[in-house]
Structure formats: C-alpha cells, structure tokens
Amino acid sequence: MTYRLFEGKDHASSYWKFRISPSDKLIQQVLDFLEKHKGHPFELAVDVGCGSGQGTVLLAKHFASMVATDVSPAQVEMALQHSKEPNITYKQCVAEELPLADSSVDLVTAMSAFHWFDRPRFLQEAHRVLKPRGCMALLNYTMDMELSYPDCCSQTLNQICQEFYAALVPYRSSHLGSNSIELYREAYKSLPYPDKEWHECVRVKRSMPLSSFMGFVESFSSYQTLVREDLQKATALSQDISHRLMSVMKVSSAETEVDVSVRYYCLLACKPEEA
C-alpha cells in the first residue's frame, strides 16, 4: 500500500523551503556506482517521489533527460515553479506505475521517499523500467540530526533536539515501524541483484538559520500529523524547542546560523544483464 501524507500545498511549500538536499558527494557516489556498472552515456534518469524537486535538479545536470514523478499534484506544481532545467519533465503519478517503457532507464532514484511506497510493487516497477545494467539508488536520512554552534555545548543542544524528536514519535506513521532504516535494509537483503551496495553513516553537513532547522523538522510527516490533530500543541512544542535552543546558544534571533549534520544511508543496486 502507498501512503500519501505530503500532498497539501502548505506542506509542499515547506518541503521546498526547508528540506535538505543530498550532498554533491552523495550524488557523486550514486553516479560513480552507475558508471562502474553500466558506464556512459547517462541518457535517462527517473526520480520517483521527487517532492519539490531539490534532489532532481542535482541529478539532472548529469543526464541527457530526466523524468521526475510524484503522487502529489501540489508537490509537482511546487517543483515546476522552481525548475528551470529544460531536460527535466515532471509527471504526477504513483510510484508503482511509472509512465516509462520497459528497459528504458539508466538510473531510478527515490530520495527520502521509498519508505512511503508499496515497496515490493515499486521494486518490481523499477526492475521493469531499468535497462540491463541500469542502476537503482534509494536514499534516506535518519532523524538523529546534530546541531553545533560556536562556543556552545553541542551535547546540550542535541539533548533538546532529541526531546523534540521524541515528542513526535507518537505521531509517526505505523507504516514506518520504529526506524525507517530497517525498511531499506530489508529491501537490500531481498533484492536478487548480485551487484549491490549498502552505505551507512554518510554525513551531510549544512549551515542554516535555526529557523530553517525548525522548519525542516516541522516538514516531517509526524509533525504535520500533530498539526492536523492539535495545531496549538504543535505550535507550542516548536516554539518551546526553539526558545530553549536559543537560550543555550545565548542568542535572541532564530535567524542565527547553526551547523546541522544529517546522517544519510543509501541502497545502490545494478539490474543484471540478463534478468
């Protein structure tokens, strides 16, 4: 079953404003795997569950053409508003039914989206559209993000962050289980491809205003569920966390820049020549 939780226009807008894109280093890791197992030319890639398109635009410059899909019309509309790349085509469709021919795609990616799909059906669909020796890259990040700020106790900052994440656990979708990484590990183990890799602890570090970090967490499905259930409680929780972080940092503005370290993991797999 596919889960659809990110389709509102406000949520799509927050995705564009606050979601952290994979780093160039992580994108290069995907491209290196593709080059190693398939080689050039890089003709067609498809980014499934593209959201507002931050990851799509990073990949597009390496391919002759790119198709980006999302189940949400609002997310596709948001991506189109900010996309200037002529080689990207955005399509609204479910992840398990891609509007692409058999054996036509060099690379299939899903960046922080695979866990919401009907995973067995999506893996079958990815297999269908991939060329022989085409590759699949499933990326996601963990919630254990770490903040740092000069002359400030990072342990104290991150204890407050952990309290924020813990407060959202009751609103987490049961579809995800206790930890999304297990869904990706399960997919890695189940894939019958001989050429596959599992990478963990890939750190992406970005500087951003504290308000953007808060916006990032607020874009999580668990926080958005809390907003729908009790907007006042959600707002009070976010404001309390923000004020406490600023107090530890000894600053008065949420626009103060902090360093945010996000831990990614990824599954890379190559479709066999004869499959």
C-alpha atoms as a PDB file:
ATOM      1  CA  MET A   1       0.000   0.000   0.000  1.00  0.00           C
ATOM      2  CA  THR A   2       1.210   3.512  -0.861  1.00  0.00           C
ATOM      3  CA  TYR A   3       0.932   6.170   1.873  1.00  0.00           C
ATOM      4  CA  ARG A   4       0.008   9.697   0.839  1.00  0.00           C
ATOM      5  CA  LEU A   5       0.851  12.250   3.520  1.00  0.00           C
ATOM      6  CA  PHE A   6       2.600  15.133   1.780  1.00  0.00           C
ATOM      7  CA  GLU A   7       0.024  16.423  -0.669  1.00  0.00           C
ATOM      8  CA  GLY A   8      -1.197  19.726   0.796  1.00  0.00           C
ATOM      9  CA  LYS A   9       0.026  22.968  -0.757  1.00  0.00           C
ATOM     10  CA  ASP A  10       1.361  24.265   2.580  1.00  0.00           C
ATOM     11  CA  HIS A  11       3.292  21.044   3.141  1.00  0.00           C
ATOM     12  CA  ALA A  12       4.687  21.171  -0.399  1.00  0.00           C
ATOM     13  CA  SER A  13       5.784  24.744   0.223  1.00  0.00           C
ATOM     14  CA  SER A  14       7.565  23.784   3.454  1.00  0.00           C
ATOM     15  CA  TYR A  15       9.302  20.973   1.571  1.00  0.00           C
ATOM     16  CA  TRP A  16      10.713  23.442  -0.924  1.00  0.00           C
ATOM     17  CA  LYS A  17      11.785  25.914   1.750  1.00  0.00           C
ATOM     18  CA  PHE A  18      13.310  23.596   4.324  1.00  0.00           C
ATOM     19  CA  ARG A  19      14.153  20.102   3.078  1.00  0.00           C
ATOM     20  CA  ILE A  20      17.881  19.368   2.938  1.00  0.00           C
ATOM     21  CA  SER A  21      19.086  18.020  -0.411  1.00  0.00           C
ATOM     22  CA  PRO A  22      21.568  15.167  -0.669  1.00  0.00           C
ATOM     23  CA  SER A  23      25.103  16.485  -0.855  1.00  0.00           C
ATOM     24  CA  ASP A  24      27.093  16.629  -4.089  1.00  0.00           C
ATOM     25  CA  LYS A  25      29.309  13.943  -2.559  1.00  0.00           C
ATOM     26  CA  LEU A  26      26.356  11.599  -2.087  1.00  0.00           C
ATOM     27  CA  ILE A  27      25.070  12.266  -5.603  1.00  0.00           C
ATOM     28  CA  GLN A  28      28.574  11.550  -6.924  1.00  0.00           C
ATOM     29  CA  GLN A  29      28.585   8.248  -5.047  1.00  0.00           C
ATOM     30  CA  VAL A  30      25.438   7.267  -6.962  1.00  0.00           C
ATOM     31  CA  LEU A  31      26.935   8.386 -10.278  1.00  0.00           C
ATOM     32  CA  ASP A  32      30.185   6.515  -9.596  1.00  0.00           C
ATOM     33  CA  PHE A  33      28.194   3.325  -8.986  1.00  0.00           C
ATOM     34  CA  LEU A  34      26.288   3.834 -12.249  1.00  0.00           C
ATOM     35  CA  GLU A  35      29.485   4.489 -14.193  1.00  0.00           C
ATOM     36  CA  LYS A  36      31.175   1.456 -12.691  1.00  0.00           C
ATOM     37  CA  HIS A  37      28.370  -0.973 -13.531  1.00  0.00           C
ATOM     38  CA  LYS A  38      26.801   0.485 -16.666  1.00  0.00           C
ATOM     39  CA  GLY A  39      29.079   3.185 -17.980  1.00  0.00           C
ATOM     40  CA  HIS A  40      28.329   6.177 -20.186  1.00  0.00           C
ATOM     41  CA  PRO A  41      26.317   7.622 -21.777  1.00  0.00           C
ATOM     42  CA  PHE A  42      23.941   8.669 -18.987  1.00  0.00           C
ATOM     43  CA  GLU A  43      20.782   9.095 -21.055  1.00  0.00           C
ATOM     44  CA  LEU A  44      17.647   8.869 -18.896  1.00  0.00           C
ATOM     45  CA  ALA A  45      17.106   9.002 -15.131  1.00  0.00           C
ATOM     46  CA  VAL A  46      13.830   8.945 -13.211  1.00  0.00           C
ATOM     47  CA  ASP A  47      13.461  10.430  -9.739  1.00  0.00           C
ATOM     48  CA  VAL A  48      10.441   8.811  -8.061  1.00  0.00           C
ATOM     49  CA  GLY A  49       8.713  10.612  -5.211  1.00  0.00           C
ATOM     50  CA  CYS A  50      10.581  13.759  -6.215  1.00  0.00           C
ATOM     51  CA  GLY A  51       8.665  16.075  -3.875  1.00  0.00           C
ATOM     52  CA  SER A  52       9.519  19.679  -4.643  1.00  0.00           C
ATOM     53  CA  GLY A  53      12.495  18.595  -6.738  1.00  0.00           C
ATOM     54  CA  GLN A  54      15.647  19.518  -4.805  1.00  0.00           C
ATOM     55  CA  GLY A  55      17.329  16.176  -5.486  1.00  0.00           C
ATOM     56  CA  THR A  56      16.032  16.064  -9.047  1.00  0.00           C
ATOM     57  CA  VAL A  57      17.882  19.197 -10.114  1.00  0.00           C
ATOM     58  CA  LEU A  58      21.150  17.868  -8.670  1.00  0.00           C
ATOM     59  CA  LEU A  59      20.920  14.743 -10.816  1.00  0.00           C
ATOM     60  CA  ALA A  60      19.557  16.374 -13.970  1.00  0.00           C
ATOM     61  CA  LYS A  61      22.813  18.040 -14.960  1.00  0.00           C
ATOM     62  CA  HIS A  62      24.423  14.614 -15.380  1.00  0.00           C
ATOM     63  CA  PHE A  63      21.782  13.129 -17.727  1.00  0.00           C
ATOM     64  CA  ALA A  64      20.530  13.903 -21.212  1.00  0.00           C
ATOM     65  CA  SER A  65      16.976  13.805 -19.860  1.00  0.00           C
ATOM     66  CA  MET A  66      15.274  13.364 -16.523  1.00  0.00           C
ATOM     67  CA  VAL A  67      11.757  12.375 -15.541  1.00  0.00           C
ATOM     68  CA  ALA A  68      10.618  13.291 -12.028  1.00  0.00           C
ATOM     69  CA  THR A  69       7.398  11.861 -10.616  1.00  0.00           C
ATOM     70  CA  ASP A  70       5.309  12.426  -7.518  1.00  0.00           C
ATOM     71  CA  VAL A  71       1.849  11.319  -6.448  1.00  0.00           C
ATOM     72  CA  SER A  72       1.059  14.828  -5.168  1.00  0.00           C
ATOM     73  CA  PRO A  73      -0.119  17.482  -7.663  1.00  0.00           C
ATOM     74  CA  ALA A  74       0.911  20.168  -5.145  1.00  0.00           C
ATOM     75  CA  GLN A  75       4.465  18.822  -4.942  1.00  0.00           C
ATOM     76  CA  VAL A  76       4.748  18.631  -8.741  1.00  0.00           C
ATOM     77  CA  GLU A  77       3.394  22.174  -9.032  1.00  0.00           C
ATOM     78  CA  MET A  78       5.966  23.383  -6.494  1.00  0.00           C
ATOM     79  CA  ALA A  79       8.777  21.647  -8.387  1.00  0.00           C
ATOM     80  CA  LEU A  80       7.654  23.187 -11.671  1.00  0.00           C
ATOM     81  CA  GLN A  81       7.621  26.663 -10.130  1.00  0.00           C
ATOM     82  CA  HIS A  82      11.288  26.379  -9.239  1.00  0.00           C
ATOM     83  CA  SER A  83      12.624  24.230 -12.080  1.00  0.00           C
ATOM     84  CA  LYS A  84      14.401  25.972 -14.960  1.00  0.00           C
ATOM     85  CA  GLU A  85      16.206  22.928 -16.347  1.00  0.00           C
ATOM     86  CA  PRO A  86      14.974  22.145 -19.889  1.00  0.00           C
ATOM     87  CA  ASN A  87      15.867  18.444 -19.646  1.00  0.00           C
ATOM     88  CA  ILE A  88      13.503  17.712 -16.706  1.00  0.00           C
ATOM     89  CA  THR A  89       9.939  16.503 -17.258  1.00  0.00           C
ATOM     90  CA  TYR A  90       7.671  16.365 -14.191  1.00  0.00           C
ATOM     91  CA  LYS A  91       4.785  13.897 -14.050  1.00  0.00           C
ATOM     92  CA  GLN A  92       2.104  13.277 -11.450  1.00  0.00           C
ATOM     93  CA  CYS A  93       1.698   9.515 -10.925  1.00  0.00           C
ATOM     94  CA  VAL A  94       2.033   6.778  -8.320  1.00  0.00           C
ATOM     95  CA  ALA A  95       5.468   5.280  -7.755  1.00  0.00           C
ATOM     96  CA  GLU A  96       4.314   1.783  -8.620  1.00  0.00           C
ATOM     97  CA  GLU A  97       3.054   2.698 -12.125  1.00  0.00           C
ATOM     98  CA  LEU A  98       5.696   4.740 -13.927  1.00  0.00           C
ATOM     99  CA  PRO A  99       4.877   6.181 -17.386  1.00  0.00           C
ATOM    100  CA  LEU A 100       8.044   4.737 -18.899  1.00  0.00           C
ATOM    101  CA  ALA A 101       8.795   1.952 -21.342  1.00  0.00           C
ATOM    102  CA  ASP A 102      10.349  -1.358 -20.380  1.00  0.00           C
ATOM    103  CA  SER A 103      14.162  -1.311 -20.193  1.00  0.00           C
ATOM    104  CA  SER A 104      14.378   2.408 -20.960  1.00  0.00           C
ATOM    105  CA  VAL A 105      16.007   3.972 -17.879  1.00  0.00           C
ATOM    106  CA  ASP A 106      19.657   4.219 -16.848  1.00  0.00           C
ATOM    107  CA  LEU A 107      19.013   5.241 -13.239  1.00  0.00           C
ATOM    108  CA  VAL A 108      15.995   5.053 -10.916  1.00  0.00           C
ATOM    109  CA  THR A 109      16.250   7.100  -7.722  1.00  0.00           C
ATOM    110  CA  ALA A 110      13.990   7.656  -4.741  1.00  0.00           C
ATOM    111  CA  MET A 111      15.305  10.231  -2.279  1.00  0.00           C
ATOM    112  CA  SER A 112      13.615  10.071   1.118  1.00  0.00           C
ATOM    113  CA  ALA A 113      10.519   8.554  -0.481  1.00  0.00           C
ATOM    114  CA  PHE A 114      10.893   4.772  -0.872  1.00  0.00           C
ATOM    115  CA  HIS A 115       9.592   4.082   2.645  1.00  0.00           C
ATOM    116  CA  TRP A 116       6.180   5.520   1.667  1.00  0.00           C
ATOM    117  CA  PHE A 117       5.763   3.322  -1.414  1.00  0.00           C
ATOM    118  CA  ASP A 118       4.230  -0.093  -1.804  1.00  0.00           C
ATOM    119  CA  ARG A 119       7.790  -1.341  -1.639  1.00  0.00           C
ATOM    120  CA  PRO A 120       7.523  -4.777  -3.350  1.00  0.00           C
ATOM    121  CA  ARG A 121       5.478  -3.295  -6.209  1.00  0.00           C
ATOM    122  CA  PHE A 122       7.866  -0.376  -6.617  1.00  0.00           C
ATOM    123  CA  LEU A 123      10.904  -2.662  -6.757  1.00  0.00           C
ATOM    124  CA  GLN A 124       9.166  -4.690  -9.471  1.00  0.00           C
ATOM    125  CA  GLU A 125       8.371  -1.499 -11.378  1.00  0.00           C
ATOM    126  CA  ALA A 126      11.940  -0.225 -11.064  1.00  0.00           C
ATOM    127  CA  HIS A 127      13.160  -3.556 -12.397  1.00  0.00           C
ATOM    128  CA  ARG A 128      10.770  -3.248 -15.359  1.00  0.00           C
ATOM    129  CA  VAL A 129      11.878   0.214 -16.472  1.00  0.00           C
ATOM    130  CA  LEU A 130      15.612  -0.226 -15.874  1.00  0.00           C
ATOM    131  CA  LYS A 131      17.860  -1.090 -18.781  1.00  0.00           C
ATOM    132  CA  PRO A 132      20.083  -4.140 -18.358  1.00  0.00           C
ATOM    133  CA  ARG A 133      22.963  -2.850 -16.183  1.00  0.00           C
ATOM    134  CA  GLY A 134      20.811   0.130 -15.215  1.00  0.00           C
ATOM    135  CA  CYS A 135      21.008   1.090 -11.548  1.00  0.00           C
ATOM    136  CA  MET A 136      18.738   1.960  -8.661  1.00  0.00           C
ATOM    137  CA  ALA A 137      19.586   4.311  -5.790  1.00  0.00           C
ATOM    138  CA  LEU A 138      17.358   4.558  -2.718  1.00  0.00           C
ATOM    139  CA  LEU A 139      18.473   7.312  -0.336  1.00  0.00           C
ATOM    140  CA  ASN A 140      17.183   8.453   3.030  1.00  0.00           C
ATOM    141  CA  TYR A 141      18.370  10.092   6.240  1.00  0.00           C
ATOM    142  CA  THR A 142      17.977   9.301   9.918  1.00  0.00           C
ATOM    143  CA  MET A 143      16.327  11.557  12.486  1.00  0.00           C
ATOM    144  CA  ASP A 144      19.452  11.779  14.628  1.00  0.00           C
ATOM    145  CA  MET A 145      20.458  15.157  13.236  1.00  0.00           C
ATOM    146  CA  GLU A 146      23.075  17.021  15.232  1.00  0.00           C
ATOM    147  CA  LEU A 147      23.369  20.761  15.799  1.00  0.00           C
ATOM    148  CA  SER A 148      26.514  22.673  16.582  1.00  0.00           C
ATOM    149  CA  TYR A 149      27.170  26.325  17.333  1.00  0.00           C
ATOM    150  CA  PRO A 150      30.456  28.067  18.232  1.00  0.00           C
ATOM    151  CA  ASP A 151      31.303  28.207  21.935  1.00  0.00           C
ATOM    152  CA  CYS A 152      28.204  26.205  22.778  1.00  0.00           C
ATOM    153  CA  CYS A 153      27.716  22.783  24.315  1.00  0.00           C
ATOM    154  CA  SER A 154      26.638  20.554  21.442  1.00  0.00           C
ATOM    155  CA  GLN A 155      25.561  17.828  23.846  1.00  0.00           C
ATOM    156  CA  THR A 156      23.028  20.160  25.465  1.00  0.00           C
ATOM    157  CA  LEU A 157      21.754  21.391  22.080  1.00  0.00           C
ATOM    158  CA  ASN A 158      21.267  17.874  20.838  1.00  0.00           C
ATOM    159  CA  GLN A 159      19.576  16.712  24.020  1.00  0.00           C
ATOM    160  CA  ILE A 160      16.919  19.365  23.343  1.00  0.00           C
ATOM    161  CA  CYS A 161      16.663  18.181  19.740  1.00  0.00           C
ATOM    162  CA  GLN A 162      16.225  14.602  20.911  1.00  0.00           C
ATOM    163  CA  GLU A 163      13.342  15.752  23.116  1.00  0.00           C
ATOM    164  CA  PHE A 164      11.764  17.353  20.039  1.00  0.00           C
ATOM    165  CA  TYR A 165      12.086  14.145  18.018  1.00  0.00           C
ATOM    166  CA  ALA A 166      10.798  12.035  20.943  1.00  0.00           C
ATOM    167  CA  ALA A 167       7.704  14.247  21.290  1.00  0.00           C
ATOM    168  CA  LEU A 168       6.840  13.456  17.658  1.00  0.00           C
ATOM    169  CA  VAL A 169       7.194   9.671  17.948  1.00  0.00           C
ATOM    170  CA  PRO A 170       3.513   9.138  18.955  1.00  0.00           C
ATOM    171  CA  TYR A 171       2.505  10.829  15.680  1.00  0.00           C
ATOM    172  CA  ARG A 172       4.778   8.719  13.494  1.00  0.00           C
ATOM    173  CA  SER A 173       3.034   6.552  10.890  1.00  0.00           C
ATOM    174  CA  SER A 174       2.865   2.890  11.913  1.00  0.00           C
ATOM    175  CA  HIS A 175       3.744   2.103   8.283  1.00  0.00           C
ATOM    176  CA  LEU A 176       7.326   3.208   9.012  1.00  0.00           C
ATOM    177  CA  GLY A 177       7.861   0.998  12.044  1.00  0.00           C
ATOM    178  CA  SER A 178      10.221   2.198  14.740  1.00  0.00           C
ATOM    179  CA  ASN A 179      13.040   3.044  12.333  1.00  0.00           C
ATOM    180  CA  SER A 180      12.821   3.600   8.567  1.00  0.00           C
ATOM    181  CA  ILE A 181      16.355   2.329   8.020  1.00  0.00           C
ATOM    182  CA  GLU A 182      15.135  -1.215   8.654  1.00  0.00           C
ATOM    183  CA  LEU A 183      12.805  -0.952   5.633  1.00  0.00           C
ATOM    184  CA  TYR A 184      15.793  -0.117   3.426  1.00  0.00           C
ATOM    185  CA  ARG A 185      17.928  -2.880   4.915  1.00  0.00           C
ATOM    186  CA  GLU A 186      15.081  -5.307   4.254  1.00  0.00           C
ATOM    187  CA  ALA A 187      14.892  -4.150   0.628  1.00  0.00           C
ATOM    188  CA  TYR A 188      18.661  -4.532   0.273  1.00  0.00           C
ATOM    189  CA  LYS A 189      18.538  -8.101   1.549  1.00  0.00           C
ATOM    190  CA  SER A 190      15.555  -9.017  -0.631  1.00  0.00           C
ATOM    191  CA  LEU A 191      16.917  -7.663  -3.922  1.00  0.00           C
ATOM    192  CA  PRO A 192      18.165 -10.616  -6.017  1.00  0.00           C
ATOM    193  CA  TYR A 193      20.785  -8.485  -7.788  1.00  0.00           C
ATOM    194  CA  PRO A 194      24.378  -9.717  -7.385  1.00  0.00           C
ATOM    195  CA  ASP A 195      25.803  -6.186  -7.764  1.00  0.00           C
ATOM    196  CA  LYS A 196      24.535  -4.089  -4.875  1.00  0.00           C
ATOM    197  CA  GLU A 197      25.969  -1.947  -2.105  1.00  0.00           C
ATOM    198  CA  TRP A 198      24.776  -0.669   1.258  1.00  0.00           C
ATOM    199  CA  HIS A 199      26.193   2.583   2.643  1.00  0.00           C
ATOM    200  CA  GLU A 200      25.521   3.975   6.092  1.00  0.00           C
ATOM    201  CA  CYS A 201      26.741   6.957   8.109  1.00  0.00           C
ATOM    202  CA  VAL A 202      27.118   9.254   5.104  1.00  0.00           C
ATOM    203  CA  ARG A 203      27.200  12.660   6.782  1.00  0.00           C
ATOM    204  CA  VAL A 204      25.812  15.784   5.121  1.00  0.00           C
ATOM    205  CA  LYS A 205      26.665  18.979   6.994  1.00  0.00           C
ATOM    206  CA  ARG A 206      24.957  22.273   6.196  1.00  0.00           C
ATOM    207  CA  SER A 207      24.849  25.729   7.742  1.00  0.00           C
ATOM    208  CA  MET A 208      21.393  27.261   8.005  1.00  0.00           C
ATOM    209  CA  PRO A 209      19.375  29.608  10.215  1.00  0.00           C
ATOM    210  CA  LEU A 210      17.953  27.928  13.303  1.00  0.00           C
ATOM    211  CA  SER A 211      14.506  28.801  11.924  1.00  0.00           C
ATOM    212  CA  SER A 212      15.241  26.672   8.848  1.00  0.00           C
ATOM    213  CA  PHE A 213      16.248  23.710  11.005  1.00  0.00           C
ATOM    214  CA  MET A 214      12.962  24.080  12.865  1.00  0.00           C
ATOM    215  CA  GLY A 215      11.141  24.285   9.541  1.00  0.00           C
ATOM    216  CA  PHE A 216      12.901  21.122   8.410  1.00  0.00           C
ATOM    217  CA  VAL A 217      11.658  19.180  11.427  1.00  0.00           C
ATOM    218  CA  GLU A 218       8.207  20.717  11.037  1.00  0.00           C
ATOM    219  CA  SER A 219       8.072  19.298   7.488  1.00  0.00           C
ATOM    220  CA  PHE A 220       8.277  15.750   8.913  1.00  0.00           C
ATOM    221  CA  SER A 221       5.100  13.712   8.494  1.00  0.00           C
ATOM    222  CA  SER A 222       4.902  13.186  12.274  1.00  0.00           C
ATOM    223  CA  TYR A 223       4.876  16.933  12.984  1.00  0.00           C
ATOM    224  CA  GLN A 224       2.331  17.513  10.228  1.00  0.00           C
ATOM    225  CA  THR A 225       0.121  14.824  11.780  1.00  0.00           C
ATOM    226  CA  LEU A 226       0.351  16.665  15.107  1.00  0.00           C
ATOM    227  CA  VAL A 227      -0.583  19.915  13.329  1.00  0.00           C
ATOM    228  CA  ARG A 228      -3.713  18.286  11.950  1.00  0.00           C
ATOM    229  CA  GLU A 229      -4.644  16.848  15.340  1.00  0.00           C
ATOM    230  CA  ASP A 230      -3.796  19.823  17.539  1.00  0.00           C
ATOM    231  CA  LEU A 231      -2.357  22.936  15.905  1.00  0.00           C
ATOM    232  CA  GLN A 232      -1.961  24.752  19.222  1.00  0.00           C
ATOM    233  CA  LYS A 233       0.015  21.886  20.743  1.00  0.00           C
ATOM    234  CA  ALA A 234       2.237  21.631  17.663  1.00  0.00           C
ATOM    235  CA  THR A 235       2.964  25.362  17.652  1.00  0.00           C
ATOM    236  CA  ALA A 236       3.681  25.449  21.378  1.00  0.00           C
ATOM    237  CA  LEU A 237       6.062  22.474  21.074  1.00  0.00           C
ATOM    238  CA  SER A 238       8.029  24.074  18.243  1.00  0.00           C
ATOM    239  CA  GLN A 239       8.215  27.461  19.945  1.00  0.00           C
ATOM    240  CA  ASP A 240       9.390  25.905  23.217  1.00  0.00           C
ATOM    241  CA  ILE A 241      12.157  23.939  21.474  1.00  0.00           C
ATOM    242  CA  SER A 242      13.262  26.989  19.501  1.00  0.00           C
ATOM    243  CA  HIS A 243      13.396  29.212  22.600  1.00  0.00           C
ATOM    244  CA  ARG A 244      15.338  26.607  24.565  1.00  0.00           C
ATOM    245  CA  LEU A 245      17.884  26.195  21.768  1.00  0.00           C
ATOM    246  CA  MET A 246      18.361  29.959  21.520  1.00  0.00           C
ATOM    247  CA  SER A 247      18.795  30.139  25.291  1.00  0.00           C
ATOM    248  CA  VAL A 248      21.601  27.561  25.221  1.00  0.00           C
ATOM    249  CA  MET A 249      23.185  29.334  22.249  1.00  0.00           C
ATOM    250  CA  LYS A 250      22.812  32.671  24.075  1.00  0.00           C
ATOM    251  CA  VAL A 251      21.227  34.346  21.052  1.00  0.00           C
ATOM    252  CA  SER A 252      17.979  36.266  20.606  1.00  0.00           C
ATOM    253  CA  SER A 253      17.229  35.556  16.957  1.00  0.00           C
ATOM    254  CA  ALA A 254      16.064  32.325  15.307  1.00  0.00           C
ATOM    255  CA  GLU A 255      17.826  33.564  12.165  1.00  0.00           C
ATOM    256  CA  THR A 256      21.184  32.795  13.807  1.00  0.00           C
ATOM    257  CA  GLU A 257      23.160  30.316  11.690  1.00  0.00           C
ATOM    258  CA  VAL A 258      23.799  26.841  13.068  1.00  0.00           C
ATOM    259  CA  ASP A 259      25.557  23.805  11.610  1.00  0.00           C
ATOM    260  CA  VAL A 260      23.276  20.822  11.030  1.00  0.00           C
ATOM    261  CA  SER A 261      24.723  17.369  10.449  1.00  0.00           C
ATOM    262  CA  VAL A 262      22.386  14.846   8.814  1.00  0.00           C
ATOM    263  CA  ARG A 263      23.236  11.144   8.523  1.00  0.00           C
ATOM    264  CA  TYR A 264      22.237   9.532   5.237  1.00  0.00           C
ATOM    265  CA  TYR A 265      22.151   5.903   4.188  1.00  0.00           C
ATOM    266  CA  CYS A 266      21.664   4.502   0.694  1.00  0.00           C
ATOM    267  CA  LEU A 267      20.997   1.311  -1.199  1.00  0.00           C
ATOM    268  CA  LEU A 268      22.677   1.003  -4.605  1.00  0.00           C
ATOM    269  CA  ALA A 269      21.852  -1.867  -6.948  1.00  0.00           C
ATOM    270  CA  CYS A 270      22.502  -2.799 -10.588  1.00  0.00           C
ATOM    271  CA  LYS A 271      19.997  -4.766 -12.687  1.00  0.00           C
ATOM    272  CA  PRO A 272      21.729  -7.827 -14.165  1.00  0.00           C
ATOM    273  CA  GLU A 273      22.436  -8.010 -17.887  1.00  0.00           C
ATOM    274  CA  GLU A 274      20.075 -10.954 -18.224  1.00  0.00           C
ATOM    275  CA  ALA A 275      17.067 -10.573 -15.960  1.00  0.00           C
END
